[in-house]
Amino acid sequence: MTNAEATTSTDRTGTGKAEAAPVHNLEAERLYALLEPAVQANRLYLEDVSIHIAGANRVVHVVVDLPQEESGGVGLDVIAEISKTLSDILDNDPSTDSRPYELEVSSPGVGRPLTEERHWHRARGRMVNVNVLQGENVTGRIQSVHEDGVTLVPEIAVKKGMKPKQGESIKLPFDRIRSGKVEIEFSHLEEVGLENEHNGPSEEA
């Protein structure tokens, strides 16, 4: 299993899928608070809850991730198990509205922007593109993550066909990072001085 998005869906509509429009309201926040304890009890992190309206039905989209100290991706079997748990909670929710719902549970894909400190922790060991404020942008592998920033091993451009070279590690404070994004790599990750303390088992091939 790679870190590509894993998704499962539970249909409670009885009518199949329809085009859904997003809803941003207090109901999504209420469902987040309702579902979070069960997600945490399964050693997962609740990243987001959103509600989309599809005709007379609702689509409840839940995004779960591994804790920041673990590496790898959320397996399909884990997604299926947490989906059943959350579906049971929603079925017995006394405060829910009367509209049928469809539950979709997924994990973040590798294309998720690195916008929070925990995202950088989860991406340790991966190659990332970093847009730097007041400096040159950097492509490099995340070596370690600190409270105030990240340490990268930059990749130095070489002629086509040659193996990329690695530069000296550099530390970038979070307040100098405009944005970050993981680069998709098709070969096995080669850890470069990666801090493996507290890392859980990886599902990377």
C-alpha atoms as a PDB file:
ATOM      1  CA  MET A   1       0.000   0.000   0.000  1.00  0.00           C
ATOM      2  CA  THR A   2       1.402   3.376  -0.967  1.00  0.00           C
ATOM      3  CA  ASN A   3       0.415   6.702   0.471  1.00  0.00           C
ATOM      4  CA  ALA A   4      -2.078   7.205  -2.338  1.00  0.00           C
ATOM      5  CA  GLU A   5      -5.587   8.011  -1.220  1.00  0.00           C
ATOM      6  CA  ALA A   6      -7.603   5.102   0.119  1.00  0.00           C
ATOM      7  CA  THR A   7     -11.372   5.480   0.113  1.00  0.00           C
ATOM      8  CA  THR A   8     -14.431   3.536   1.126  1.00  0.00           C
ATOM      9  CA  SER A   9     -18.063   4.526   0.872  1.00  0.00           C
ATOM     10  CA  THR A  10     -21.205   3.501   2.767  1.00  0.00           C
ATOM     11  CA  ASP A  11     -24.479   4.366   1.018  1.00  0.00           C
ATOM     12  CA  ARG A  12     -27.394   5.274   3.274  1.00  0.00           C
ATOM     13  CA  THR A  13     -29.326   7.080   0.517  1.00  0.00           C
ATOM     14  CA  GLY A  14     -30.979   4.169  -1.220  1.00  0.00           C
ATOM     15  CA  THR A  15     -30.855   6.148  -4.462  1.00  0.00           C
ATOM     16  CA  GLY A  16     -27.181   6.004  -5.466  1.00  0.00           C
ATOM     17  CA  LYS A  17     -24.819   8.931  -5.940  1.00  0.00           C
ATOM     18  CA  ALA A  18     -25.745  12.373  -7.216  1.00  0.00           C
ATOM     19  CA  GLU A  19     -23.693  15.487  -7.846  1.00  0.00           C
ATOM     20  CA  ALA A  20     -22.952  16.928  -4.401  1.00  0.00           C
ATOM     21  CA  ALA A  21     -22.559  20.555  -3.386  1.00  0.00           C
ATOM     22  CA  PRO A  22     -20.313  21.349  -0.373  1.00  0.00           C
ATOM     23  CA  VAL A  23     -21.832  22.740   2.804  1.00  0.00           C
ATOM     24  CA  HIS A  24     -19.814  24.736   5.311  1.00  0.00           C
ATOM     25  CA  ASN A  25     -21.736  25.060   8.536  1.00  0.00           C
ATOM     26  CA  LEU A  26     -21.869  24.169  12.185  1.00  0.00           C
ATOM     27  CA  GLU A  27     -23.152  20.672  11.363  1.00  0.00           C
ATOM     28  CA  ALA A  28     -19.723  19.645  10.028  1.00  0.00           C
ATOM     29  CA  GLU A  29     -18.114  20.911  13.240  1.00  0.00           C
ATOM     30  CA  ARG A  30     -20.677  18.996  15.306  1.00  0.00           C
ATOM     31  CA  LEU A  31     -19.969  15.782  13.411  1.00  0.00           C
ATOM     32  CA  TYR A  32     -16.227  16.324  13.815  1.00  0.00           C
ATOM     33  CA  ALA A  33     -16.671  16.473  17.612  1.00  0.00           C
ATOM     34  CA  LEU A  34     -18.994  13.457  17.491  1.00  0.00           C
ATOM     35  CA  LEU A  35     -16.673  11.244  15.445  1.00  0.00           C
ATOM     36  CA  GLU A  36     -13.257  12.297  16.742  1.00  0.00           C
ATOM     37  CA  PRO A  37     -13.231  10.116  19.910  1.00  0.00           C
ATOM     38  CA  ALA A  38     -13.908   6.952  17.877  1.00  0.00           C
ATOM     39  CA  VAL A  39     -11.222   7.860  15.351  1.00  0.00           C
ATOM     40  CA  GLN A  40      -8.681   8.461  18.117  1.00  0.00           C
ATOM     41  CA  ALA A  41      -9.686   5.193  19.821  1.00  0.00           C
ATOM     42  CA  ASN A  42      -8.590   3.444  16.618  1.00  0.00           C
ATOM     43  CA  ARG A  43      -5.178   5.170  16.785  1.00  0.00           C
ATOM     44  CA  LEU A  44      -5.986   7.459  13.880  1.00  0.00           C
ATOM     45  CA  TYR A  45      -6.130  11.231  13.436  1.00  0.00           C
ATOM     46  CA  LEU A  46      -9.328  12.931  12.236  1.00  0.00           C
ATOM     47  CA  GLU A  47      -8.147  15.375   9.598  1.00  0.00           C
ATOM     48  CA  ASP A  48     -11.435  16.702   8.278  1.00  0.00           C
ATOM     49  CA  VAL A  49     -15.202  16.263   8.151  1.00  0.00           C
ATOM     50  CA  SER A  50     -17.230  17.864   5.375  1.00  0.00           C
ATOM     51  CA  ILE A  51     -20.859  17.619   4.292  1.00  0.00           C
ATOM     52  CA  HIS A  52     -22.111  17.802   0.708  1.00  0.00           C
ATOM     53  CA  ILE A  53     -25.753  18.039  -0.313  1.00  0.00           C
ATOM     54  CA  ALA A  54     -26.837  15.833  -3.224  1.00  0.00           C
ATOM     55  CA  GLY A  55     -30.510  16.493  -3.874  1.00  0.00           C
ATOM     56  CA  ALA A  56     -32.459  15.228  -0.871  1.00  0.00           C
ATOM     57  CA  ASN A  57     -29.432  13.332   0.408  1.00  0.00           C
ATOM     58  CA  ARG A  58     -26.220  14.143   2.246  1.00  0.00           C
ATOM     59  CA  VAL A  59     -22.673  12.959   1.619  1.00  0.00           C
ATOM     60  CA  VAL A  60     -20.547  12.965   4.772  1.00  0.00           C
ATOM     61  CA  HIS A  61     -16.872  12.910   3.791  1.00  0.00           C
ATOM     62  CA  VAL A  62     -14.403  11.996   6.536  1.00  0.00           C
ATOM     63  CA  VAL A  63     -10.613  12.153   6.116  1.00  0.00           C
ATOM     64  CA  VAL A  64      -8.485  10.133   8.545  1.00  0.00           C
ATOM     65  CA  ASP A  65      -4.717   9.859   8.809  1.00  0.00           C
ATOM     66  CA  LEU A  66      -2.109   8.065  10.897  1.00  0.00           C
ATOM     67  CA  PRO A  67      -0.654   9.882  13.928  1.00  0.00           C
ATOM     68  CA  GLN A  68       2.198  12.205  13.022  1.00  0.00           C
ATOM     69  CA  GLU A  69       4.827   9.990  14.653  1.00  0.00           C
ATOM     70  CA  GLU A  70       4.061   7.123  12.275  1.00  0.00           C
ATOM     71  CA  SER A  71       5.110   6.696   8.665  1.00  0.00           C
ATOM     72  CA  GLY A  72       3.380   4.967   5.782  1.00  0.00           C
ATOM     73  CA  GLY A  73      -0.233   5.189   4.669  1.00  0.00           C
ATOM     74  CA  VAL A  74      -3.626   4.158   6.034  1.00  0.00           C
ATOM     75  CA  GLY A  75      -4.437   0.666   4.753  1.00  0.00           C
ATOM     76  CA  LEU A  76      -7.713  -0.207   3.054  1.00  0.00           C
ATOM     77  CA  ASP A  77      -8.551  -2.683   5.815  1.00  0.00           C
ATOM     78  CA  VAL A  78      -8.178   0.098   8.397  1.00  0.00           C
ATOM     79  CA  ILE A  79     -10.334   2.415   6.281  1.00  0.00           C
ATOM     80  CA  ALA A  80     -13.017  -0.278   6.042  1.00  0.00           C
ATOM     81  CA  GLU A  81     -12.963  -0.923   9.790  1.00  0.00           C
ATOM     82  CA  ILE A  82     -13.187   2.742  10.809  1.00  0.00           C
ATOM     83  CA  SER A  83     -15.917   3.293   8.202  1.00  0.00           C
ATOM     84  CA  LYS A  84     -18.120   0.683   9.880  1.00  0.00           C
ATOM     85  CA  THR A  85     -17.485   2.244  13.286  1.00  0.00           C
ATOM     86  CA  LEU A  86     -18.323   5.757  12.110  1.00  0.00           C
ATOM     87  CA  SER A  87     -21.379   4.541  10.198  1.00  0.00           C
ATOM     88  CA  ASP A  88     -22.757   2.972  13.390  1.00  0.00           C
ATOM     89  CA  ILE A  89     -22.237   6.264  15.229  1.00  0.00           C
ATOM     90  CA  LEU A  90     -24.016   8.260  12.531  1.00  0.00           C
ATOM     91  CA  ASP A  91     -26.886   5.751  12.405  1.00  0.00           C
ATOM     92  CA  ASN A  92     -27.454   6.322  16.122  1.00  0.00           C
ATOM     93  CA  ASP A  93     -26.858  10.082  16.136  1.00  0.00           C
ATOM     94  CA  PRO A  94     -29.877  11.583  17.992  1.00  0.00           C
ATOM     95  CA  SER A  95     -29.167  15.084  16.666  1.00  0.00           C
ATOM     96  CA  THR A  96     -28.947  14.234  12.974  1.00  0.00           C
ATOM     97  CA  ASP A  97     -31.352  15.696  10.439  1.00  0.00           C
ATOM     98  CA  SER A  98     -33.845  13.451   8.684  1.00  0.00           C
ATOM     99  CA  ARG A  99     -32.101  13.318   5.306  1.00  0.00           C
ATOM    100  CA  PRO A 100     -30.469  10.017   4.257  1.00  0.00           C
ATOM    101  CA  TYR A 101     -26.695  10.073   4.059  1.00  0.00           C
ATOM    102  CA  GLU A 102     -23.790   8.425   2.326  1.00  0.00           C
ATOM    103  CA  LEU A 103     -20.556   8.093   4.297  1.00  0.00           C
ATOM    104  CA  GLU A 104     -17.235   8.386   2.476  1.00  0.00           C
ATOM    105  CA  VAL A 105     -14.030   7.750   4.431  1.00  0.00           C
ATOM    106  CA  SER A 106     -10.633   8.377   2.863  1.00  0.00           C
ATOM    107  CA  SER A 107      -7.011   9.024   3.738  1.00  0.00           C
ATOM    108  CA  PRO A 108      -4.981  11.960   2.393  1.00  0.00           C
ATOM    109  CA  GLY A 109      -3.204  11.368  -0.901  1.00  0.00           C
ATOM    110  CA  VAL A 110       0.422  12.277  -1.544  1.00  0.00           C
ATOM    111  CA  GLY A 111      -0.762  15.424  -3.291  1.00  0.00           C
ATOM    112  CA  ARG A 112      -1.954  16.984  -0.041  1.00  0.00           C
ATOM    113  CA  PRO A 113      -0.230  20.346   0.507  1.00  0.00           C
ATOM    114  CA  LEU A 114       2.011  20.469   3.571  1.00  0.00           C
ATOM    115  CA  THR A 115       0.191  23.174   5.517  1.00  0.00           C
ATOM    116  CA  GLU A 116       0.529  21.969   9.114  1.00  0.00           C
ATOM    117  CA  GLU A 117       3.460  20.805  11.224  1.00  0.00           C
ATOM    118  CA  ARG A 118       1.942  17.316  11.466  1.00  0.00           C
ATOM    119  CA  HIS A 119       1.899  17.098   7.659  1.00  0.00           C
ATOM    120  CA  TRP A 120       5.671  17.611   7.604  1.00  0.00           C
ATOM    121  CA  HIS A 121       6.107  14.928  10.276  1.00  0.00           C
ATOM    122  CA  ARG A 122       4.037  12.502   8.196  1.00  0.00           C
ATOM    123  CA  ALA A 123       6.180  13.287   5.129  1.00  0.00           C
ATOM    124  CA  ARG A 124       9.531  12.570   6.793  1.00  0.00           C
ATOM    125  CA  GLY A 125      11.865  10.781   4.400  1.00  0.00           C
ATOM    126  CA  ARG A 126      10.004  11.989   1.315  1.00  0.00           C
ATOM    127  CA  MET A 127      11.180  14.275  -1.457  1.00  0.00           C
ATOM    128  CA  VAL A 128       9.394  17.639  -1.334  1.00  0.00           C
ATOM    129  CA  ASN A 129       9.254  20.891  -3.262  1.00  0.00           C
ATOM    130  CA  VAL A 130       9.357  23.884  -0.935  1.00  0.00           C
ATOM    131  CA  ASN A 131       8.386  27.401  -1.941  1.00  0.00           C
ATOM    132  CA  VAL A 132      10.565  29.650   0.216  1.00  0.00           C
ATOM    133  CA  LEU A 133       9.821  33.224   1.235  1.00  0.00           C
ATOM    134  CA  GLN A 134      12.695  35.613   0.531  1.00  0.00           C
ATOM    135  CA  GLY A 135      14.945  32.879  -0.806  1.00  0.00           C
ATOM    136  CA  GLU A 136      15.428  30.248  -3.475  1.00  0.00           C
ATOM    137  CA  ASN A 137      12.934  27.404  -3.637  1.00  0.00           C
ATOM    138  CA  VAL A 138      14.276  24.033  -2.510  1.00  0.00           C
ATOM    139  CA  THR A 139      13.742  20.458  -3.658  1.00  0.00           C
ATOM    140  CA  GLY A 140      15.011  17.977  -1.117  1.00  0.00           C
ATOM    141  CA  ARG A 141      14.263  15.090   1.202  1.00  0.00           C
ATOM    142  CA  ILE A 142      12.857  15.786   4.656  1.00  0.00           C
ATOM    143  CA  GLN A 143      15.483  14.668   7.131  1.00  0.00           C
ATOM    144  CA  SER A 144      13.812  15.788  10.345  1.00  0.00           C
ATOM    145  CA  VAL A 145      11.035  18.027  11.641  1.00  0.00           C
ATOM    146  CA  HIS A 146      11.377  20.420  14.540  1.00  0.00           C
ATOM    147  CA  GLU A 147       9.000  22.612  16.489  1.00  0.00           C
ATOM    148  CA  ASP A 148      10.025  25.664  14.477  1.00  0.00           C
ATOM    149  CA  GLY A 149      10.959  24.201  11.093  1.00  0.00           C
ATOM    150  CA  VAL A 150      12.249  21.338   8.973  1.00  0.00           C
ATOM    151  CA  THR A 151      15.677  20.064   7.971  1.00  0.00           C
ATOM    152  CA  LEU A 152      16.068  19.063   4.324  1.00  0.00           C
ATOM    153  CA  VAL A 153      18.778  17.312   2.353  1.00  0.00           C
ATOM    154  CA  PRO A 154      18.625  19.275  -0.938  1.00  0.00           C
ATOM    155  CA  GLU A 155      18.883  17.540  -4.274  1.00  0.00           C
ATOM    156  CA  ILE A 156      21.355  19.170  -6.658  1.00  0.00           C
ATOM    157  CA  ALA A 157      20.448  19.188 -10.337  1.00  0.00           C
ATOM    158  CA  VAL A 158      22.812  17.204 -12.576  1.00  0.00           C
ATOM    159  CA  LYS A 159      22.945  16.283 -16.249  1.00  0.00           C
ATOM    160  CA  LYS A 160      20.186  14.062 -17.579  1.00  0.00           C
ATOM    161  CA  GLY A 161      20.875  10.373 -17.001  1.00  0.00           C
ATOM    162  CA  MET A 162      23.166  10.987 -14.011  1.00  0.00           C
ATOM    163  CA  LYS A 163      22.292  10.094 -10.462  1.00  0.00           C
ATOM    164  CA  PRO A 164      21.132  13.182  -8.510  1.00  0.00           C
ATOM    165  CA  LYS A 165      23.597  14.577  -5.985  1.00  0.00           C
ATOM    166  CA  GLN A 166      22.769  15.576  -2.448  1.00  0.00           C
ATOM    167  CA  GLY A 167      23.862  18.821  -0.880  1.00  0.00           C
ATOM    168  CA  GLU A 168      24.525  19.721   2.728  1.00  0.00           C
ATOM    169  CA  SER A 169      21.429  19.594   4.925  1.00  0.00           C
ATOM    170  CA  ILE A 170      19.682  22.907   5.495  1.00  0.00           C
ATOM    171  CA  LYS A 171      17.126  24.015   8.067  1.00  0.00           C
ATOM    172  CA  LEU A 172      14.099  26.029   6.973  1.00  0.00           C
ATOM    173  CA  PRO A 173      11.972  27.762   9.624  1.00  0.00           C
ATOM    174  CA  PHE A 174       8.225  27.378   9.126  1.00  0.00           C
ATOM    175  CA  ASP A 175       7.833  31.162   8.951  1.00  0.00           C
ATOM    176  CA  ARG A 176       9.957  31.175   5.772  1.00  0.00           C
ATOM    177  CA  ILE A 177       7.971  28.421   4.050  1.00  0.00           C
ATOM    178  CA  ARG A 178       5.223  29.659   1.749  1.00  0.00           C
ATOM    179  CA  SER A 179       4.133  26.177   0.700  1.00  0.00           C
ATOM    180  CA  GLY A 180       5.347  22.594   0.444  1.00  0.00           C
ATOM    181  CA  LYS A 181       4.319  19.591  -1.607  1.00  0.00           C
ATOM    182  CA  VAL A 182       5.476  15.975  -1.750  1.00  0.00           C
ATOM    183  CA  GLU A 183       7.031  14.798  -5.019  1.00  0.00           C
ATOM    184  CA  ILE A 184       5.746  11.477  -6.273  1.00  0.00           C
ATOM    185  CA  GLU A 185       8.591   8.963  -6.488  1.00  0.00           C
ATOM    186  CA  PHE A 186       8.196   5.694  -8.332  1.00  0.00           C
ATOM    187  CA  SER A 187      11.275   4.075  -6.860  1.00  0.00           C
ATOM    188  CA  HIS A 188      11.769   2.848  -3.314  1.00  0.00           C
ATOM    189  CA  LEU A 189      12.419   5.689  -0.870  1.00  0.00           C
ATOM    190  CA  GLU A 190      16.051   5.846   0.184  1.00  0.00           C
ATOM    191  CA  GLU A 191      16.217   7.268   3.655  1.00  0.00           C
ATOM    192  CA  VAL A 192      18.903   9.908   4.003  1.00  0.00           C
ATOM    193  CA  GLY A 193      19.728  10.415   7.665  1.00  0.00           C
ATOM    194  CA  LEU A 194      16.039  10.083   8.459  1.00  0.00           C
ATOM    195  CA  GLU A 195      15.165  10.265  12.120  1.00  0.00           C
ATOM    196  CA  ASN A 196      13.464   6.926  12.732  1.00  0.00           C
ATOM    197  CA  GLU A 197      12.811   7.330  16.437  1.00  0.00           C
ATOM    198  CA  HIS A 198       9.113   6.809  17.165  1.00  0.00           C
ATOM    199  CA  ASN A 199       8.452   5.895  13.542  1.00  0.00           C
ATOM    200  CA  GLY A 200       5.816   3.212  13.209  1.00  0.00           C
ATOM    201  CA  PRO A 201       5.848   0.427  10.656  1.00  0.00           C
ATOM    202  CA  SER A 202       5.658   1.707   7.105  1.00  0.00           C
ATOM    203  CA  GLU A 203       3.297   0.379   4.478  1.00  0.00           C
ATOM    204  CA  GLU A 204       5.544   1.672   1.709  1.00  0.00           C
ATOM    205  CA  ALA A 205       6.794  -1.007  -0.691  1.00  0.00           C
END
